[in-house]
């Protein structure tokens, strides 16, 4: 699965064999994967909001150097944040491919 399809087609992961008994350490796998997916979605939403806000501020700055600099800073930080999230995922994927260990899946043995 490539990066784009992984981001846009993720679905919540539910415990497959949860019978209502006391939770075990293996149930943490499901919780961790759900939290990781939520963080990626929030990062995308934060980028979108910051990018729209920075663009709107840039358009409405009216040539004021301080407002233009603030809007440019917002746009730059939004792009840096998105690139940071993408690069961190690519680094983890590279480590997995280089070592042969699937580091993108969180499993507790047992």
Protein backbone atom coordinates (compact mmCIF):
# COMPACT_ATOMS: atom_id res chain seq x y z
CA UNK A 1 0.00 0.00 0.00
CA UNK A 2 1.41 3.38 -0.87
CA UNK A 3 1.40 6.40 1.44
CA UNK A 4 -1.54 8.23 -0.14
CA UNK A 5 -3.87 5.24 -0.15
CA UNK A 6 -2.84 4.40 3.43
CA UNK A 7 -3.72 7.89 4.65
CA UNK A 8 -7.09 8.12 2.93
CA UNK A 9 -8.35 4.55 3.39
CA UNK A 10 -7.57 3.85 7.02
CA UNK A 11 -10.45 2.65 9.14
CA UNK A 12 -10.70 2.22 12.89
CA UNK A 13 -9.30 -1.06 14.16
CA UNK A 14 -11.50 -2.91 16.60
CA UNK A 15 -10.56 -5.77 18.89
CA UNK A 16 -11.43 -8.93 17.01
CA UNK A 17 -11.89 -11.30 19.90
CA UNK A 18 -12.96 -9.08 22.76
CA UNK A 19 -15.49 -11.03 24.81
CA UNK A 20 -16.19 -8.50 27.54
CA UNK A 21 -13.64 -9.94 29.95
CA UNK A 22 -10.86 -8.00 31.59
CA UNK A 23 -8.61 -6.22 29.09
CA UNK A 24 -5.18 -7.71 28.49
CA UNK A 25 -1.93 -6.18 27.32
CA UNK A 26 -2.66 -7.42 23.77
CA UNK A 27 -5.67 -5.06 23.66
CA UNK A 28 -3.18 -2.19 23.79
CA UNK A 29 -2.29 -2.97 20.15
CA UNK A 30 -5.73 -1.87 19.05
CA UNK A 31 -5.73 1.24 21.22
CA UNK A 32 -2.27 2.29 19.98
CA UNK A 33 -3.19 1.86 16.30
CA UNK A 34 -6.41 3.85 16.74
CA UNK A 35 -4.54 6.66 18.49
CA UNK A 36 -1.89 6.73 15.75
CA UNK A 37 -4.58 7.03 13.07
CA UNK A 38 -6.31 9.84 14.95
CA UNK A 39 -3.03 11.75 15.27
CA UNK A 40 -2.42 11.51 11.50
CA UNK A 41 -5.94 12.77 10.77
CA UNK A 42 -5.55 15.69 13.18
CA UNK A 43 -2.19 16.58 11.63
CA UNK A 44 -3.85 16.77 8.22
CA UNK A 45 -6.72 18.86 9.53
CA UNK A 46 -4.31 21.19 11.38
CA UNK A 47 -2.30 21.66 8.17
CA UNK A 48 -5.43 22.46 6.19
CA UNK A 49 -6.71 24.98 8.75
CA UNK A 50 -3.32 26.69 9.09
CA UNK A 51 -2.88 26.83 5.34
CA UNK A 52 -6.33 28.36 4.78
CA UNK A 53 -5.86 30.81 7.65
CA UNK A 54 -2.41 31.86 6.41
CA UNK A 55 -3.65 32.28 2.86
CA UNK A 56 -6.61 34.35 4.00
CA UNK A 57 -4.37 36.51 6.19
CA UNK A 58 -1.99 36.99 3.28
CA UNK A 59 -4.80 38.05 0.95
CA UNK A 60 -6.27 40.47 3.47
CA UNK A 61 -2.95 41.95 4.68
CA UNK A 62 -3.40 44.97 2.43
CA UNK A 63 0.33 45.34 1.85
CA UNK A 64 1.12 45.85 5.54
CA UNK A 65 4.61 44.36 6.02
CA UNK A 66 3.89 43.04 9.54
CA UNK A 67 0.68 41.28 8.50
CA UNK A 68 2.33 39.91 5.37
CA UNK A 69 5.27 38.57 7.39
CA UNK A 70 2.90 36.94 9.91
CA UNK A 71 0.85 35.32 7.13
CA UNK A 72 4.00 34.10 5.38
CA UNK A 73 5.23 32.64 8.67
CA UNK A 74 1.92 30.81 9.17
CA UNK A 75 2.06 29.35 5.66
CA UNK A 76 5.70 28.32 6.11
CA UNK A 77 5.03 26.62 9.45
CA UNK A 78 2.02 24.78 8.00
CA UNK A 79 4.11 23.38 5.16
CA UNK A 80 7.00 22.51 7.51
CA UNK A 81 4.58 20.62 9.78
CA UNK A 82 3.13 18.62 6.89
CA UNK A 83 6.58 17.82 5.52
CA UNK A 84 7.66 16.76 9.02
CA UNK A 85 4.79 14.30 9.32
CA UNK A 86 5.45 12.85 5.86
CA UNK A 87 9.21 12.59 6.43
CA UNK A 88 8.73 10.87 9.79
CA UNK A 89 6.52 8.25 8.14
CA UNK A 90 9.04 7.78 5.33
CA UNK A 91 11.90 7.36 7.82
CA UNK A 92 9.97 4.69 9.71
CA UNK A 93 9.16 2.93 6.43
CA UNK A 94 12.83 3.13 5.37
CA UNK A 95 13.95 1.64 8.68
CA UNK A 96 11.47 -1.19 8.19
CA UNK A 97 12.67 -1.88 4.66
CA UNK A 98 16.34 -1.65 5.63
CA UNK A 99 16.15 -3.93 8.67
CA UNK A 100 13.43 -6.26 7.41
CA UNK A 101 11.38 -5.70 10.56
CA UNK A 102 7.87 -4.39 10.07
CA UNK A 103 8.05 -1.32 12.30
CA UNK A 104 4.80 0.15 11.01
CA UNK A 105 2.80 -2.55 12.81
CA UNK A 106 2.58 -2.46 16.57
CA UNK A 107 2.44 -5.95 18.06
CA UNK A 108 2.98 -7.17 21.60
CA UNK A 109 4.11 -10.79 21.49
CA UNK A 110 2.17 -13.22 23.56
